[in-house]
Amino acid sequence: MHDSELLVAAAYDEGVVTEVIRPAAIVPEESARAMLVELALRDVQNGGVWQSEPSLWSRYDRPWLGYGAPGDAELIGTIHVAYGTPTRYEITIYRVTVTRFGTDRGWSVSSLCDEALGLGNLDLAQCPRAGLAEPPKPFRF
């Protein structure tokens, strides 16, 4: 990347916070089911502020105008998830991004996660975590 590209990237990303959740947060089955129901009930296209997809949950500042029409709704942040891992009915939260718009309004990685996890009676600090395995030994001939 050229110096000018680095400068533009730095200016564009100013205020954006991305954090890899390490070890990843694991949402247990009961909480996961409750969260998915509540996220669907709070969908941006249905008067809510969340858009949930199989790998990404997005939080907006207001509901969308209609199906596929965000209008002037601003993205607060996103939570990257994996369904069905580590077990079939659990959800893993592994990366969270808060936009500049979100950080300017006081949102953090923790507060964004806590709002979503709160739908399943959890918070990030008390959410179970994935076990970290030792890295494999280097391959030798």
Foldseek 3Di string as FASTA:
>chain_A
DDPVVVVVVCVQQVQKDKDFDVLWFKADQQLLVLLVVVLVCQDLQNWHAWDDDQFKIWGWPTRAPHVPGNDPIDTQWMWTKHAQPPHNRMIITTMIMGGSVNVVVPDDRQNVQQVSSVSSPDGPVPGDGDDDDDDDDDDDD
